[in-house]
Amino acid sequence: MTLDDLTSLTSKDRIMLYLTDFINMDQRYELPSDLIQELISNGTGIQRKHLSQYLKDLIDENLITERKAHIHGMKQRMNGYYLTAAGYSRAKDLKARVEDLVVPVKIDGGVAQKRVADIDDLTSAHITLCDIIREAISEGSLNMTGLEDIERKKREALEKEEQASDTYRRALQTAWRDGRVTATERFLVDELRKHLKITEEQHSALEEEIVKRLAQDHMEFRRIYRTVLEVALADKMISGPEEAILDGLRRIMRLSRQEHNDLVEDVQLSICGPPGCEKDLQKEAMRLVREQMSD
């Protein structure tokens, strides 16, 4: 028997075989990181730019479920993918057929016919069905030397994707540094995304993470700036040197002039109350003095 039965498996078949290792995911609050697109791509050998469409097709066929959830080891919630009951039933039958295939494996200069299910036992490290299929497709044959090296290949591929993701994250952070993205910046970021093969889902997750952090930082900057204003306005006025310091601080914290004015007004209200409060305080003071003198 040739490798044709193995290499002719479709991308959707390979995704379903990969997901057979993950059952009862509906009952999990936190999903394993293996179920995000990045690791499904790495595990199946399917390029990210094509993976999204295959996943969509499988969802439309009610064979897998897409769920936004907390992902183990991830800071933000992301989409995870796992088999439906119908999908698991079909994937289980597919797995049994694949495991029973007998294929040629090059071992120590010779060729031996091996059941696919037994190949894992021949290697020093654990390899999956998807590992074997990916190796057969990419190399055109199964060689024990290559099978032993699968973990290193997967690790290097994942590291390459992580480097691309980190590069893209830094570019997005630069584009968003002033709280908005210009048309030119958006064009440059989109071109970089295409070059690094960053998917729309990756882009959306990274941009959401950056915007949330910016919002949190902005609120913290406003809190700090307000505290500085309270000190500066303790004597009811901002002097020349204080104004220069505040202006520099405002620029560093990327606060607008309008935000400065709003915070000044807020601090002034907290110090003396609504406009005209100083006159009211003077009247109250005079009233107390008169009462004291009359006593």
C-alpha atoms as a PDB file:
ATOM      1  CA  MET A   1       0.000   0.000   0.000  1.00  0.00           C
ATOM      2  CA  THR A   2       1.278   3.479  -0.856  1.00  0.00           C
ATOM      3  CA  LEU A   3       1.074   6.705   1.090  1.00  0.00           C
ATOM      4  CA  ASP A   4      -1.749   7.947  -1.154  1.00  0.00           C
ATOM      5  CA  ASP A   5      -4.419   6.956   1.362  1.00  0.00           C
ATOM      6  CA  LEU A   6      -2.654   9.093   3.963  1.00  0.00           C
ATOM      7  CA  THR A   7      -1.669  12.095   1.869  1.00  0.00           C
ATOM      8  CA  SER A   8      -5.093  12.310   0.181  1.00  0.00           C
ATOM      9  CA  LEU A   9      -6.787  13.215   3.463  1.00  0.00           C
ATOM     10  CA  THR A  10      -8.377  16.654   3.178  1.00  0.00           C
ATOM     11  CA  SER A  11      -7.492  19.626   5.358  1.00  0.00           C
ATOM     12  CA  LYS A  12     -10.876  19.318   7.057  1.00  0.00           C
ATOM     13  CA  ASP A  13     -10.152  15.648   7.793  1.00  0.00           C
ATOM     14  CA  ARG A  14      -6.842  16.634   9.386  1.00  0.00           C
ATOM     15  CA  ILE A  15      -8.518  19.276  11.554  1.00  0.00           C
ATOM     16  CA  MET A  16     -11.077  16.760  12.786  1.00  0.00           C
ATOM     17  CA  LEU A  17      -8.362  14.187  13.527  1.00  0.00           C
ATOM     18  CA  TYR A  18      -6.453  16.832  15.495  1.00  0.00           C
ATOM     19  CA  LEU A  19      -9.530  17.691  17.560  1.00  0.00           C
ATOM     20  CA  THR A  20     -10.301  14.057  18.514  1.00  0.00           C
ATOM     21  CA  ASP A  21      -7.875  14.425  21.439  1.00  0.00           C
ATOM     22  CA  PHE A  22     -10.167  17.033  23.051  1.00  0.00           C
ATOM     23  CA  ILE A  23     -13.519  15.839  24.386  1.00  0.00           C
ATOM     24  CA  ASN A  24     -16.175  17.324  26.715  1.00  0.00           C
ATOM     25  CA  MET A  25     -14.989  20.851  25.944  1.00  0.00           C
ATOM     26  CA  ASP A  26     -18.553  22.158  26.374  1.00  0.00           C
ATOM     27  CA  GLN A  27     -18.166  21.484  30.091  1.00  0.00           C
ATOM     28  CA  ARG A  28     -14.917  23.435  30.382  1.00  0.00           C
ATOM     29  CA  TYR A  29     -14.881  27.082  31.531  1.00  0.00           C
ATOM     30  CA  GLU A  30     -11.254  27.456  30.397  1.00  0.00           C
ATOM     31  CA  LEU A  31     -10.205  25.848  27.122  1.00  0.00           C
ATOM     32  CA  PRO A  32      -6.750  24.387  26.376  1.00  0.00           C
ATOM     33  CA  SER A  33      -4.500  26.654  24.293  1.00  0.00           C
ATOM     34  CA  ASP A  34      -4.260  23.802  21.731  1.00  0.00           C
ATOM     35  CA  LEU A  35      -7.741  24.798  20.530  1.00  0.00           C
ATOM     36  CA  ILE A  36      -6.902  28.281  19.235  1.00  0.00           C
ATOM     37  CA  GLN A  37      -6.208  28.805  15.530  1.00  0.00           C
ATOM     38  CA  GLU A  38      -2.466  29.310  15.982  1.00  0.00           C
ATOM     39  CA  LEU A  39      -1.916  25.902  17.573  1.00  0.00           C
ATOM     40  CA  ILE A  40      -4.416  24.088  15.350  1.00  0.00           C
ATOM     41  CA  SER A  41      -2.433  25.427  12.390  1.00  0.00           C
ATOM     42  CA  ASN A  42       0.829  24.295  13.955  1.00  0.00           C
ATOM     43  CA  GLY A  43      -0.548  20.881  14.869  1.00  0.00           C
ATOM     44  CA  THR A  44      -2.120  20.115  11.490  1.00  0.00           C
ATOM     45  CA  GLY A  45       0.378  21.866   9.232  1.00  0.00           C
ATOM     46  CA  ILE A  46      -2.409  23.890   7.587  1.00  0.00           C
ATOM     47  CA  GLN A  47      -1.468  27.494   6.810  1.00  0.00           C
ATOM     48  CA  ARG A  48      -3.271  30.098   8.900  1.00  0.00           C
ATOM     49  CA  LYS A  49      -4.507  31.982   5.839  1.00  0.00           C
ATOM     50  CA  HIS A  50      -6.478  28.869   4.771  1.00  0.00           C
ATOM     51  CA  LEU A  51      -7.371  27.501   8.212  1.00  0.00           C
ATOM     52  CA  SER A  52     -10.113  30.053   8.952  1.00  0.00           C
ATOM     53  CA  GLN A  53     -12.132  29.023   5.897  1.00  0.00           C
ATOM     54  CA  TYR A  54     -11.855  25.309   6.705  1.00  0.00           C
ATOM     55  CA  LEU A  55     -12.984  25.990  10.271  1.00  0.00           C
ATOM     56  CA  LYS A  56     -15.924  28.036   8.986  1.00  0.00           C
ATOM     57  CA  ASP A  57     -16.939  25.196   6.665  1.00  0.00           C
ATOM     58  CA  LEU A  58     -16.812  22.673   9.524  1.00  0.00           C
ATOM     59  CA  ILE A  59     -18.889  24.998  11.716  1.00  0.00           C
ATOM     60  CA  ASP A  60     -21.484  25.352   8.922  1.00  0.00           C
ATOM     61  CA  GLU A  61     -21.587  21.537   8.692  1.00  0.00           C
ATOM     62  CA  ASN A  62     -22.206  21.333  12.466  1.00  0.00           C
ATOM     63  CA  LEU A  63     -19.049  19.274  12.931  1.00  0.00           C
ATOM     64  CA  ILE A  64     -17.168  21.713  15.160  1.00  0.00           C
ATOM     65  CA  THR A  65     -18.102  24.495  17.573  1.00  0.00           C
ATOM     66  CA  GLU A  66     -16.529  27.936  17.820  1.00  0.00           C
ATOM     67  CA  ARG A  67     -16.627  29.492  21.307  1.00  0.00           C
ATOM     68  CA  LYS A  68     -15.016  32.639  22.700  1.00  0.00           C
ATOM     69  CA  ALA A  69     -13.624  31.607  26.057  1.00  0.00           C
ATOM     70  CA  HIS A  70     -10.826  31.983  28.553  1.00  0.00           C
ATOM     71  CA  ILE A  71      -7.814  30.160  27.138  1.00  0.00           C
ATOM     72  CA  HIS A  72      -5.214  28.545  29.381  1.00  0.00           C
ATOM     73  CA  GLY A  73      -2.097  30.719  29.512  1.00  0.00           C
ATOM     74  CA  MET A  74      -3.675  33.602  27.561  1.00  0.00           C
ATOM     75  CA  LYS A  75      -4.454  37.055  28.965  1.00  0.00           C
ATOM     76  CA  GLN A  76      -7.537  37.707  26.867  1.00  0.00           C
ATOM     77  CA  ARG A  77     -10.469  35.565  25.817  1.00  0.00           C
ATOM     78  CA  MET A  78     -10.094  34.035  22.372  1.00  0.00           C
ATOM     79  CA  ASN A  79     -12.003  31.782  19.996  1.00  0.00           C
ATOM     80  CA  GLY A  80     -11.544  28.082  20.671  1.00  0.00           C
ATOM     81  CA  TYR A  81     -12.658  25.259  18.366  1.00  0.00           C
ATOM     82  CA  TYR A  82     -13.730  21.734  19.269  1.00  0.00           C
ATOM     83  CA  LEU A  83     -15.849  18.892  17.896  1.00  0.00           C
ATOM     84  CA  THR A  84     -19.617  18.739  18.231  1.00  0.00           C
ATOM     85  CA  ALA A  85     -21.208  15.393  19.149  1.00  0.00           C
ATOM     86  CA  ALA A  86     -21.814  14.704  15.446  1.00  0.00           C
ATOM     87  CA  GLY A  87     -18.290  15.828  14.607  1.00  0.00           C
ATOM     88  CA  TYR A  88     -16.722  13.591  17.234  1.00  0.00           C
ATOM     89  CA  SER A  89     -18.663  10.565  15.976  1.00  0.00           C
ATOM     90  CA  ARG A  90     -17.432  11.143  12.426  1.00  0.00           C
ATOM     91  CA  ALA A  91     -13.885  11.974  13.529  1.00  0.00           C
ATOM     92  CA  LYS A  92     -13.715   8.818  15.648  1.00  0.00           C
ATOM     93  CA  ASP A  93     -14.598   6.636  12.633  1.00  0.00           C
ATOM     94  CA  LEU A  94     -12.072   8.523  10.490  1.00  0.00           C
ATOM     95  CA  LYS A  95      -9.366   8.043  13.133  1.00  0.00           C
ATOM     96  CA  ALA A  96      -9.991   4.282  13.260  1.00  0.00           C
ATOM     97  CA  ARG A  97      -9.650   4.019   9.457  1.00  0.00           C
ATOM     98  CA  VAL A  98      -6.442   6.066   9.401  1.00  0.00           C
ATOM     99  CA  GLU A  99      -4.865   4.092  12.237  1.00  0.00           C
ATOM    100  CA  ASP A 100      -5.501   0.832  10.337  1.00  0.00           C
ATOM    101  CA  LEU A 101      -3.715   2.030   7.187  1.00  0.00           C
ATOM    102  CA  VAL A 102      -0.463   0.190   6.445  1.00  0.00           C
ATOM    103  CA  VAL A 103       2.237   2.436   4.958  1.00  0.00           C
ATOM    104  CA  PRO A 104       5.932   2.135   4.060  1.00  0.00           C
ATOM    105  CA  VAL A 105       8.358   3.583   6.603  1.00  0.00           C
ATOM    106  CA  LYS A 106      12.087   3.966   5.951  1.00  0.00           C
ATOM    107  CA  ILE A 107      14.021   2.493   8.885  1.00  0.00           C
ATOM    108  CA  ASP A 108      17.809   2.062   9.057  1.00  0.00           C
ATOM    109  CA  GLY A 109      18.253   2.083   5.316  1.00  0.00           C
ATOM    110  CA  GLY A 110      15.384  -0.317   4.662  1.00  0.00           C
ATOM    111  CA  VAL A 111      11.628  -0.018   4.214  1.00  0.00           C
ATOM    112  CA  ALA A 112       9.098  -1.677   6.520  1.00  0.00           C
ATOM    113  CA  GLN A 113       5.315  -1.800   6.172  1.00  0.00           C
ATOM    114  CA  LYS A 114       3.774  -0.416   9.366  1.00  0.00           C
ATOM    115  CA  ARG A 115       0.286   0.295  10.627  1.00  0.00           C
ATOM    116  CA  VAL A 116      -0.111   4.022  11.156  1.00  0.00           C
ATOM    117  CA  ALA A 117      -1.268   3.316  14.728  1.00  0.00           C
ATOM    118  CA  ASP A 118       2.082   1.614  15.479  1.00  0.00           C
ATOM    119  CA  ILE A 119       4.394   4.341  14.150  1.00  0.00           C
ATOM    120  CA  ASP A 120       4.249   6.361  17.375  1.00  0.00           C
ATOM    121  CA  ASP A 121       5.672   3.390  19.294  1.00  0.00           C
ATOM    122  CA  LEU A 122       8.732   3.394  17.013  1.00  0.00           C
ATOM    123  CA  THR A 123       9.770   6.937  17.971  1.00  0.00           C
ATOM    124  CA  SER A 124      11.448   8.122  21.153  1.00  0.00           C
ATOM    125  CA  ALA A 125       9.023  11.067  21.493  1.00  0.00           C
ATOM    126  CA  HIS A 126       5.234  11.027  21.219  1.00  0.00           C
ATOM    127  CA  ILE A 127       3.897  11.936  17.784  1.00  0.00           C
ATOM    128  CA  THR A 128       0.266  12.290  16.739  1.00  0.00           C
ATOM    129  CA  LEU A 129      -1.668  11.135  13.684  1.00  0.00           C
ATOM    130  CA  CYS A 130      -1.553  14.703  12.391  1.00  0.00           C
ATOM    131  CA  ASP A 131       2.240  14.729  12.825  1.00  0.00           C
ATOM    132  CA  ILE A 132       2.517  11.584  10.694  1.00  0.00           C
ATOM    133  CA  ILE A 133       0.142  12.915   8.024  1.00  0.00           C
ATOM    134  CA  ARG A 134       1.920  16.284   7.884  1.00  0.00           C
ATOM    135  CA  GLU A 135       5.305  14.571   7.514  1.00  0.00           C
ATOM    136  CA  ALA A 136       3.985  12.325   4.731  1.00  0.00           C
ATOM    137  CA  ILE A 137       2.518  15.309   2.840  1.00  0.00           C
ATOM    138  CA  SER A 138       5.521  17.619   3.233  1.00  0.00           C
ATOM    139  CA  GLU A 139       8.247  15.002   2.598  1.00  0.00           C
ATOM    140  CA  GLY A 140       6.441  12.625   0.251  1.00  0.00           C
ATOM    141  CA  SER A 141       7.530   9.679   2.402  1.00  0.00           C
ATOM    142  CA  LEU A 142       7.847   8.538   5.997  1.00  0.00           C
ATOM    143  CA  ASN A 143      11.362   8.289   7.352  1.00  0.00           C
ATOM    144  CA  MET A 144      12.181   7.496  10.972  1.00  0.00           C
ATOM    145  CA  THR A 145      14.833  10.219  11.018  1.00  0.00           C
ATOM    146  CA  GLY A 146      12.242  12.815   9.998  1.00  0.00           C
ATOM    147  CA  LEU A 147       9.618  11.435  12.366  1.00  0.00           C
ATOM    148  CA  GLU A 148      12.072  11.674  15.283  1.00  0.00           C
ATOM    149  CA  ASP A 149      12.657  15.325  14.361  1.00  0.00           C
ATOM    150  CA  ILE A 150       8.992  16.344  14.274  1.00  0.00           C
ATOM    151  CA  GLU A 151       8.944  18.053  17.692  1.00  0.00           C
ATOM    152  CA  ARG A 152      11.857  20.288  16.726  1.00  0.00           C
ATOM    153  CA  LYS A 153      10.166  21.226  13.443  1.00  0.00           C
ATOM    154  CA  LYS A 154       6.911  22.065  15.224  1.00  0.00           C
ATOM    155  CA  ARG A 155       8.744  24.098  17.858  1.00  0.00           C
ATOM    156  CA  GLU A 156      10.647  26.091  15.223  1.00  0.00           C
ATOM    157  CA  ALA A 157       7.447  26.757  13.265  1.00  0.00           C
ATOM    158  CA  LEU A 158       5.700  27.959  16.416  1.00  0.00           C
ATOM    159  CA  GLU A 159       8.644  30.182  17.385  1.00  0.00           C
ATOM    160  CA  LYS A 160       8.587  31.705  13.901  1.00  0.00           C
ATOM    161  CA  GLU A 161       4.880  32.504  14.267  1.00  0.00           C
ATOM    162  CA  GLU A 162       5.446  33.971  17.739  1.00  0.00           C
ATOM    163  CA  GLN A 163       8.220  36.221  16.387  1.00  0.00           C
ATOM    164  CA  ALA A 164       5.902  37.434  13.619  1.00  0.00           C
ATOM    165  CA  SER A 165       3.157  38.069  16.194  1.00  0.00           C
ATOM    166  CA  ASP A 166       5.545  40.028  18.459  1.00  0.00           C
ATOM    167  CA  THR A 167       6.749  42.140  15.522  1.00  0.00           C
ATOM    168  CA  TYR A 168       3.168  42.907  14.523  1.00  0.00           C
ATOM    169  CA  ARG A 169       2.197  43.712  18.132  1.00  0.00           C
ATOM    170  CA  ARG A 170       4.996  46.300  18.369  1.00  0.00           C
ATOM    171  CA  ALA A 171       3.877  47.880  15.094  1.00  0.00           C
ATOM    172  CA  LEU A 172       0.278  48.089  16.337  1.00  0.00           C
ATOM    173  CA  GLN A 173       1.416  49.609  19.639  1.00  0.00           C
ATOM    174  CA  THR A 174       3.345  52.269  17.706  1.00  0.00           C
ATOM    175  CA  ALA A 175       0.329  53.031  15.509  1.00  0.00           C
ATOM    176  CA  TRP A 176      -1.939  53.347  18.564  1.00  0.00           C
ATOM    177  CA  ARG A 177       0.563  55.269  20.731  1.00  0.00           C
ATOM    178  CA  ASP A 178      -1.415  58.540  20.528  1.00  0.00           C
ATOM    179  CA  GLY A 179      -4.786  56.819  20.987  1.00  0.00           C
ATOM    180  CA  ARG A 180      -5.787  56.810  17.321  1.00  0.00           C
ATOM    181  CA  VAL A 181      -4.615  55.322  14.019  1.00  0.00           C
ATOM    182  CA  THR A 182      -4.287  57.535  10.938  1.00  0.00           C
ATOM    183  CA  ALA A 183      -5.145  56.321   7.443  1.00  0.00           C
ATOM    184  CA  THR A 184      -1.429  56.110   6.591  1.00  0.00           C
ATOM    185  CA  GLU A 185      -0.657  54.133   9.737  1.00  0.00           C
ATOM    186  CA  ARG A 186      -3.548  51.762   9.020  1.00  0.00           C
ATOM    187  CA  PHE A 187      -2.271  51.180   5.480  1.00  0.00           C
ATOM    188  CA  LEU A 188       1.265  50.428   6.706  1.00  0.00           C
ATOM    189  CA  VAL A 189      -0.022  48.106   9.439  1.00  0.00           C
ATOM    190  CA  ASP A 190      -2.211  46.232   6.928  1.00  0.00           C
ATOM    191  CA  GLU A 191       0.741  45.767   4.585  1.00  0.00           C
ATOM    192  CA  LEU A 192       2.870  44.434   7.451  1.00  0.00           C
ATOM    193  CA  ARG A 193       0.049  42.083   8.470  1.00  0.00           C
ATOM    194  CA  LYS A 194      -0.039  40.598   4.965  1.00  0.00           C
ATOM    195  CA  HIS A 195       3.746  40.252   4.853  1.00  0.00           C
ATOM    196  CA  LEU A 196       3.880  38.485   8.238  1.00  0.00           C
ATOM    197  CA  LYS A 197       0.830  36.342   7.357  1.00  0.00           C
ATOM    198  CA  ILE A 198      -1.104  37.570  10.402  1.00  0.00           C
ATOM    199  CA  THR A 199      -4.749  36.513  10.201  1.00  0.00           C
ATOM    200  CA  GLU A 200      -7.742  38.775  10.808  1.00  0.00           C
ATOM    201  CA  GLU A 201      -8.451  36.920  14.066  1.00  0.00           C
ATOM    202  CA  GLN A 202      -4.869  37.441  15.270  1.00  0.00           C
ATOM    203  CA  HIS A 203      -5.068  41.115  14.299  1.00  0.00           C
ATOM    204  CA  SER A 204      -8.392  41.622  16.088  1.00  0.00           C
ATOM    205  CA  ALA A 205      -7.167  39.901  19.270  1.00  0.00           C
ATOM    206  CA  LEU A 206      -3.915  41.905  19.350  1.00  0.00           C
ATOM    207  CA  GLU A 207      -5.627  45.220  18.609  1.00  0.00           C
ATOM    208  CA  GLU A 208      -8.282  44.580  21.272  1.00  0.00           C
ATOM    209  CA  GLU A 209      -5.532  43.818  23.804  1.00  0.00           C
ATOM    210  CA  ILE A 210      -3.613  47.006  22.924  1.00  0.00           C
ATOM    211  CA  VAL A 211      -6.688  49.271  22.956  1.00  0.00           C
ATOM    212  CA  LYS A 212      -7.801  47.889  26.339  1.00  0.00           C
ATOM    213  CA  ARG A 213      -4.356  48.483  27.803  1.00  0.00           C
ATOM    214  CA  LEU A 214      -4.287  52.010  26.364  1.00  0.00           C
ATOM    215  CA  ALA A 215      -7.686  52.727  27.910  1.00  0.00           C
ATOM    216  CA  GLN A 216      -6.502  51.463  31.296  1.00  0.00           C
ATOM    217  CA  ASP A 217      -3.262  53.465  31.035  1.00  0.00           C
ATOM    218  CA  HIS A 218      -5.222  56.548  29.999  1.00  0.00           C
ATOM    219  CA  MET A 219      -7.469  56.339  33.041  1.00  0.00           C
ATOM    220  CA  GLU A 220      -4.412  55.895  35.262  1.00  0.00           C
ATOM    221  CA  PHE A 221      -2.749  58.919  33.631  1.00  0.00           C
ATOM    222  CA  ARG A 222      -5.884  60.981  34.245  1.00  0.00           C
ATOM    223  CA  ARG A 223      -5.872  59.925  37.916  1.00  0.00           C
ATOM    224  CA  ILE A 224      -2.197  60.887  38.344  1.00  0.00           C
ATOM    225  CA  TYR A 225      -2.647  64.177  36.479  1.00  0.00           C
ATOM    226  CA  ARG A 226      -5.638  65.065  38.632  1.00  0.00           C
ATOM    227  CA  THR A 227      -3.577  64.455  41.782  1.00  0.00           C
ATOM    228  CA  VAL A 228      -0.864  66.795  40.457  1.00  0.00           C
ATOM    229  CA  LEU A 229      -3.530  69.397  39.674  1.00  0.00           C
ATOM    230  CA  GLU A 230      -4.864  69.176  43.235  1.00  0.00           C
ATOM    231  CA  VAL A 231      -1.408  70.087  44.537  1.00  0.00           C
ATOM    232  CA  ALA A 232      -0.976  72.886  41.994  1.00  0.00           C
ATOM    233  CA  LEU A 233      -4.409  74.345  42.745  1.00  0.00           C
ATOM    234  CA  ALA A 234      -4.080  74.148  46.512  1.00  0.00           C
ATOM    235  CA  ASP A 235      -3.506  77.932  46.509  1.00  0.00           C
ATOM    236  CA  LYS A 236      -6.448  78.425  44.065  1.00  0.00           C
ATOM    237  CA  MET A 237      -4.155  79.287  41.115  1.00  0.00           C
ATOM    238  CA  ILE A 238      -1.616  77.769  38.737  1.00  0.00           C
ATOM    239  CA  SER A 239       1.612  79.786  38.548  1.00  0.00           C
ATOM    240  CA  GLY A 240       3.894  80.135  35.492  1.00  0.00           C
ATOM    241  CA  PRO A 241       6.369  77.385  36.445  1.00  0.00           C
ATOM    242  CA  GLU A 242       3.516  75.082  37.469  1.00  0.00           C
ATOM    243  CA  GLU A 243       1.817  75.659  34.130  1.00  0.00           C
ATOM    244  CA  ALA A 244       4.978  74.697  32.233  1.00  0.00           C
ATOM    245  CA  ILE A 245       5.407  71.510  34.298  1.00  0.00           C
ATOM    246  CA  LEU A 246       1.752  70.555  33.853  1.00  0.00           C
ATOM    247  CA  ASP A 247       1.919  71.151  30.107  1.00  0.00           C
ATOM    248  CA  GLY A 248       4.948  68.872  29.797  1.00  0.00           C
ATOM    249  CA  LEU A 249       3.275  66.208  31.944  1.00  0.00           C
ATOM    250  CA  ARG A 250       0.072  66.464  29.903  1.00  0.00           C
ATOM    251  CA  ARG A 251       2.009  65.871  26.674  1.00  0.00           C
ATOM    252  CA  ILE A 252       3.897  62.888  28.121  1.00  0.00           C
ATOM    253  CA  MET A 253       0.628  61.337  29.300  1.00  0.00           C
ATOM    254  CA  ARG A 254      -1.028  62.173  25.949  1.00  0.00           C
ATOM    255  CA  LEU A 255      -3.915  64.042  27.561  1.00  0.00           C
ATOM    256  CA  SER A 256      -5.730  66.575  25.398  1.00  0.00           C
ATOM    257  CA  ARG A 257      -6.047  70.254  26.255  1.00  0.00           C
ATOM    258  CA  GLN A 258      -9.797  69.676  26.703  1.00  0.00           C
ATOM    259  CA  GLU A 259      -9.104  66.902  29.212  1.00  0.00           C
ATOM    260  CA  HIS A 260      -6.791  69.292  31.085  1.00  0.00           C
ATOM    261  CA  ASN A 261      -9.509  71.943  31.205  1.00  0.00           C
ATOM    262  CA  ASP A 262     -12.117  69.417  32.366  1.00  0.00           C
ATOM    263  CA  LEU A 263      -9.833  68.131  35.128  1.00  0.00           C
ATOM    264  CA  VAL A 264      -8.962  71.683  36.248  1.00  0.00           C
ATOM    265  CA  GLU A 265     -12.669  72.480  36.502  1.00  0.00           C
ATOM    266  CA  ASP A 266     -13.303  69.240  38.406  1.00  0.00           C
ATOM    267  CA  VAL A 267     -10.485  69.954  40.886  1.00  0.00           C
ATOM    268  CA  GLN A 268     -11.619  73.536  41.391  1.00  0.00           C
ATOM    269  CA  LEU A 269     -15.138  72.313  42.161  1.00  0.00           C
ATOM    270  CA  SER A 270     -13.824  69.800  44.668  1.00  0.00           C
ATOM    271  CA  ILE A 271     -11.718  72.469  46.397  1.00  0.00           C
ATOM    272  CA  CYS A 272     -14.241  75.265  46.730  1.00  0.00           C
ATOM    273  CA  GLY A 273     -17.522  73.978  45.315  1.00  0.00           C
ATOM    274  CA  PRO A 274     -19.646  75.566  42.565  1.00  0.00           C
ATOM    275  CA  PRO A 275     -18.801  79.013  41.077  1.00  0.00           C
ATOM    276  CA  GLY A 276     -19.439  81.852  43.538  1.00  0.00           C
ATOM    277  CA  CYS A 277     -18.673  79.687  46.547  1.00  0.00           C
ATOM    278  CA  GLU A 278     -15.901  82.051  47.710  1.00  0.00           C
ATOM    279  CA  LYS A 279     -18.430  84.916  48.021  1.00  0.00           C
ATOM    280  CA  ASP A 280     -20.796  82.618  49.898  1.00  0.00           C
ATOM    281  CA  LEU A 281     -17.967  81.679  52.263  1.00  0.00           C
ATOM    282  CA  GLN A 282     -17.174  85.381  52.850  1.00  0.00           C
ATOM    283  CA  LYS A 283     -20.835  86.097  53.645  1.00  0.00           C
ATOM    284  CA  GLU A 284     -20.973  83.174  56.040  1.00  0.00           C
ATOM    285  CA  ALA A 285     -17.739  84.349  57.696  1.00  0.00           C
ATOM    286  CA  MET A 286     -19.115  87.900  58.154  1.00  0.00           C
ATOM    287  CA  ARG A 287     -22.349  86.496  59.589  1.00  0.00           C
ATOM    288  CA  LEU A 288     -20.405  84.449  62.143  1.00  0.00           C
ATOM    289  CA  VAL A 289     -18.312  87.507  63.080  1.00  0.00           C
ATOM    290  CA  ARG A 290     -21.407  89.632  63.607  1.00  0.00           C
ATOM    291  CA  GLU A 291     -23.020  86.956  65.739  1.00  0.00           C
ATOM    292  CA  GLN A 292     -19.873  86.684  67.823  1.00  0.00           C
ATOM    293  CA  MET A 293     -19.745  90.465  68.379  1.00  0.00           C
ATOM    294  CA  SER A 294     -23.407  90.632  69.316  1.00  0.00           C
ATOM    295  CA  ASP A 295     -22.807  87.944  71.961  1.00  0.00           C
END
